[in-house]
């Protein structure tokens, strides 16, 4: 698990960048602000998505529920 502690991007940012999307574009698609997406990626807040937003997020990122990371922010030393 040492590899995850050195991970330089949040899991959400990694998935977003793979889709060539900006925070602003993802936010607009989900009906939230760019700052909200930034807060998710930094770990300052946790997404509170409606079912419709959740489905859109999975569709946009082209992932399944099982592939969705448990945490979107940067891994910390206390994550275990």
N, C-alpha and C. Protein backbone atom coordinates (compact mmCIF):
# COMPACT_ATOMS: atom_id res chain seq x y z
N UNK A 1 0.80 -1.20 0.00
CA UNK A 1 0.00 0.00 0.00
C UNK A 1 0.85 1.28 0.00
N UNK A 2 2.13 1.16 0.15
CA UNK A 2 3.02 2.31 0.14
C UNK A 2 2.86 3.10 -1.16
N UNK A 3 2.57 2.41 -2.24
CA UNK A 3 2.41 3.05 -3.53
C UNK A 3 1.32 4.13 -3.48
N UNK A 4 0.22 3.88 -2.76
CA UNK A 4 -0.88 4.83 -2.71
C UNK A 4 -0.52 6.07 -1.93
N UNK A 5 0.35 5.98 -0.95
CA UNK A 5 0.75 7.14 -0.17
C UNK A 5 1.54 8.13 -1.01
N UNK A 6 2.20 7.65 -2.05
CA UNK A 6 3.00 8.51 -2.91
C UNK A 6 2.21 8.96 -4.14
N UNK A 7 0.94 8.58 -4.21
CA UNK A 7 0.08 8.94 -5.33
C UNK A 7 -0.04 10.44 -5.40
N UNK A 8 0.30 11.04 -6.53
CA UNK A 8 0.37 12.50 -6.60
C UNK A 8 -0.95 13.17 -6.93
N UNK A 9 -1.92 12.45 -7.41
CA UNK A 9 -3.22 13.03 -7.74
C UNK A 9 -4.32 12.32 -6.97
N UNK A 10 -5.40 13.05 -6.76
CA UNK A 10 -6.57 12.41 -6.16
C UNK A 10 -7.14 11.42 -7.18
N UNK A 11 -7.81 10.37 -6.70
CA UNK A 11 -8.39 9.41 -7.65
C UNK A 11 -9.40 10.06 -8.59
N UNK A 12 -10.19 11.00 -8.09
CA UNK A 12 -11.16 11.67 -8.96
C UNK A 12 -10.45 12.48 -10.03
N UNK A 13 -9.40 13.18 -9.66
CA UNK A 13 -8.67 13.97 -10.65
C UNK A 13 -8.07 13.07 -11.71
N UNK A 14 -7.52 11.95 -11.32
CA UNK A 14 -6.94 11.01 -12.27
C UNK A 14 -7.99 10.56 -13.28
N UNK A 15 -9.17 10.20 -12.78
CA UNK A 15 -10.24 9.75 -13.68
C UNK A 15 -10.72 10.88 -14.58
N UNK A 16 -10.83 12.08 -14.02
CA UNK A 16 -11.28 13.25 -14.80
C UNK A 16 -10.29 13.58 -15.90
N UNK A 17 -9.01 13.60 -15.57
CA UNK A 17 -7.98 13.95 -16.54
C UNK A 17 -7.90 12.90 -17.66
N UNK A 18 -8.15 11.64 -17.33
CA UNK A 18 -8.17 10.59 -18.37
C UNK A 18 -9.25 10.87 -19.41
N UNK A 19 -10.27 11.58 -19.02
CA UNK A 19 -11.37 11.92 -19.93
C UNK A 19 -11.19 13.31 -20.53
N UNK A 20 -10.01 13.91 -20.29
CA UNK A 20 -9.68 15.23 -20.85
C UNK A 20 -10.71 16.29 -20.46
N UNK A 21 -11.13 16.24 -19.19
CA UNK A 21 -12.11 17.20 -18.69
C UNK A 21 -11.48 18.13 -17.67
N UNK A 22 -11.97 19.35 -17.65
CA UNK A 22 -11.57 20.30 -16.60
C UNK A 22 -12.54 20.15 -15.43
N UNK A 23 -12.16 20.73 -14.30
CA UNK A 23 -13.06 20.74 -13.16
C UNK A 23 -14.36 21.48 -13.51
N UNK A 24 -14.22 22.54 -14.27
CA UNK A 24 -15.38 23.34 -14.68
C UNK A 24 -16.33 22.51 -15.54
N UNK A 25 -15.78 21.74 -16.48
CA UNK A 25 -16.61 20.91 -17.36
C UNK A 25 -17.33 19.83 -16.57
N UNK A 26 -16.62 19.18 -15.66
CA UNK A 26 -17.24 18.13 -14.85
C UNK A 26 -18.32 18.73 -13.96
N UNK A 27 -18.01 19.85 -13.35
CA UNK A 27 -19.00 20.51 -12.51
C UNK A 27 -20.25 20.87 -13.28
N UNK A 28 -20.08 21.45 -14.45
CA UNK A 28 -21.22 21.84 -15.28
C UNK A 28 -22.07 20.63 -15.64
N UNK A 29 -21.42 19.53 -15.99
CA UNK A 29 -22.14 18.31 -16.35
C UNK A 29 -22.95 17.75 -15.18
N UNK A 30 -22.43 17.95 -13.96
CA UNK A 30 -23.10 17.42 -12.78
C UNK A 30 -24.00 18.45 -12.09
N UNK A 31 -23.97 19.70 -12.57
CA UNK A 31 -24.79 20.73 -11.97
C UNK A 31 -24.23 21.27 -10.67
N UNK A 32 -22.89 21.25 -10.54
CA UNK A 32 -22.21 21.81 -9.37
C UNK A 32 -21.13 22.78 -9.86
N UNK A 33 -20.55 23.51 -8.95
CA UNK A 33 -19.53 24.48 -9.34
C UNK A 33 -18.17 23.83 -9.50
N UNK A 34 -17.30 24.56 -10.18
CA UNK A 34 -15.91 24.14 -10.33
C UNK A 34 -15.25 24.01 -8.95
N UNK A 35 -15.59 24.93 -8.04
CA UNK A 35 -15.04 24.89 -6.69
C UNK A 35 -15.48 23.63 -5.95
N UNK A 36 -16.69 23.19 -6.18
CA UNK A 36 -17.17 21.95 -5.56
C UNK A 36 -16.33 20.77 -6.00
N UNK A 37 -16.06 20.68 -7.30
CA UNK A 37 -15.22 19.59 -7.82
C UNK A 37 -13.82 19.69 -7.23
N UNK A 38 -13.29 20.89 -7.15
CA UNK A 38 -11.98 21.11 -6.55
C UNK A 38 -11.96 20.63 -5.10
N UNK A 39 -13.01 20.95 -4.36
CA UNK A 39 -13.09 20.52 -2.96
C UNK A 39 -13.17 19.00 -2.84
N UNK A 40 -13.86 18.34 -3.75
CA UNK A 40 -13.90 16.88 -3.75
C UNK A 40 -12.51 16.31 -3.98
N UNK A 41 -11.83 16.86 -4.98
CA UNK A 41 -10.51 16.34 -5.34
C UNK A 41 -9.47 16.59 -4.26
N UNK A 42 -9.62 17.66 -3.52
CA UNK A 42 -8.64 17.96 -2.46
C UNK A 42 -8.98 17.26 -1.16
N UNK A 43 -10.17 16.67 -1.08
CA UNK A 43 -10.58 16.00 0.14
C UNK A 43 -11.21 16.96 1.15
N UNK A 44 -11.45 18.22 0.76
CA UNK A 44 -12.06 19.18 1.68
C UNK A 44 -13.54 18.92 1.88
N UNK A 45 -14.18 18.26 0.91
CA UNK A 45 -15.59 17.92 1.06
C UNK A 45 -15.86 16.59 0.37
N UNK A 46 -17.00 16.02 0.70
CA UNK A 46 -17.41 14.73 0.16
C UNK A 46 -18.62 14.96 -0.74
N UNK A 47 -18.65 14.33 -1.90
CA UNK A 47 -19.79 14.53 -2.80
C UNK A 47 -21.11 14.08 -2.16
N UNK A 48 -22.10 14.90 -2.35
CA UNK A 48 -23.47 14.55 -1.96
C UNK A 48 -24.29 14.64 -3.23
N UNK A 49 -24.30 13.54 -3.97
CA UNK A 49 -24.90 13.52 -5.30
C UNK A 49 -26.29 12.90 -5.27
N UNK A 50 -27.15 13.42 -6.12
CA UNK A 50 -28.45 12.79 -6.34
C UNK A 50 -28.22 11.53 -7.16
N UNK A 51 -29.19 10.63 -7.21
CA UNK A 51 -29.03 9.44 -8.06
C UNK A 51 -28.74 9.80 -9.52
N UNK A 52 -29.39 10.84 -10.02
CA UNK A 52 -29.15 11.27 -11.41
C UNK A 52 -27.71 11.74 -11.58
N UNK A 53 -27.22 12.56 -10.65
CA UNK A 53 -25.83 13.04 -10.71
C UNK A 53 -24.85 11.88 -10.60
N UNK A 54 -25.14 10.93 -9.73
CA UNK A 54 -24.28 9.77 -9.54
C UNK A 54 -24.16 8.98 -10.84
N UNK A 55 -25.28 8.74 -11.49
CA UNK A 55 -25.27 8.01 -12.76
C UNK A 55 -24.49 8.79 -13.82
N UNK A 56 -24.69 10.11 -13.86
CA UNK A 56 -23.95 10.94 -14.82
C UNK A 56 -22.45 10.85 -14.57
N UNK A 57 -22.05 10.90 -13.29
CA UNK A 57 -20.63 10.83 -12.95
C UNK A 57 -20.03 9.52 -13.47
N UNK A 58 -20.70 8.41 -13.22
CA UNK A 58 -20.20 7.12 -13.70
C UNK A 58 -20.11 7.10 -15.23
N UNK A 59 -21.12 7.67 -15.87
CA UNK A 59 -21.15 7.71 -17.33
C UNK A 59 -20.02 8.58 -17.88
N UNK A 60 -19.85 9.77 -17.30
CA UNK A 60 -18.81 10.70 -17.75
C UNK A 60 -17.42 10.09 -17.58
N UNK A 61 -17.19 9.47 -16.42
CA UNK A 61 -15.87 8.89 -16.13
C UNK A 61 -15.68 7.53 -16.80
N UNK A 62 -16.76 6.99 -17.36
CA UNK A 62 -16.75 5.69 -18.04
C UNK A 62 -16.24 4.59 -17.12
N UNK A 63 -16.84 4.56 -15.93
CA UNK A 63 -16.49 3.54 -14.94
C UNK A 63 -17.76 2.91 -14.39
N UNK A 64 -17.59 1.78 -13.70
CA UNK A 64 -18.70 1.12 -13.03
C UNK A 64 -18.69 1.53 -11.56
N UNK A 65 -19.74 1.19 -10.86
CA UNK A 65 -19.81 1.48 -9.42
C UNK A 65 -18.63 0.84 -8.70
N UNK A 66 -18.27 -0.37 -9.08
CA UNK A 66 -17.15 -1.06 -8.44
C UNK A 66 -15.81 -0.37 -8.68
N UNK A 67 -15.68 0.36 -9.77
CA UNK A 67 -14.43 1.05 -10.09
C UNK A 67 -14.34 2.43 -9.44
N UNK A 68 -15.45 2.91 -8.91
CA UNK A 68 -15.47 4.22 -8.28
C UNK A 68 -14.63 4.18 -7.00
N UNK A 69 -13.69 5.11 -6.83
CA UNK A 69 -12.86 5.10 -5.63
C UNK A 69 -13.68 5.38 -4.38
N UNK A 70 -13.27 4.80 -3.26
CA UNK A 70 -13.96 5.03 -1.99
C UNK A 70 -13.81 6.47 -1.53
N UNK A 71 -12.66 7.08 -1.83
CA UNK A 71 -12.41 8.47 -1.47
C UNK A 71 -11.90 9.19 -2.71
N UNK A 72 -12.36 10.43 -2.91
CA UNK A 72 -11.95 11.20 -4.08
C UNK A 72 -10.72 12.07 -3.82
N UNK A 73 -10.49 12.41 -2.57
CA UNK A 73 -9.39 13.30 -2.23
C UNK A 73 -8.07 12.57 -2.18
N UNK A 74 -7.02 13.33 -1.84
CA UNK A 74 -5.69 12.75 -1.74
C UNK A 74 -5.63 11.73 -0.63
N UNK A 75 -4.97 10.60 -0.85
CA UNK A 75 -4.79 9.62 0.23
C UNK A 75 -3.96 10.25 1.34
N UNK A 76 -4.27 9.89 2.57
CA UNK A 76 -3.48 10.41 3.68
C UNK A 76 -2.85 9.27 4.44
N UNK A 77 -1.91 9.60 5.30
CA UNK A 77 -1.22 8.57 6.08
C UNK A 77 -2.18 7.85 7.03
N UNK A 78 -3.31 8.46 7.36
CA UNK A 78 -4.24 7.85 8.30
C UNK A 78 -5.24 6.95 7.60
N UNK A 79 -5.19 6.85 6.28
CA UNK A 79 -6.13 6.00 5.55
C UNK A 79 -5.85 4.52 5.76
N UNK A 80 -4.69 4.18 6.28
CA UNK A 80 -4.37 2.79 6.55
C UNK A 80 -3.77 2.16 5.40
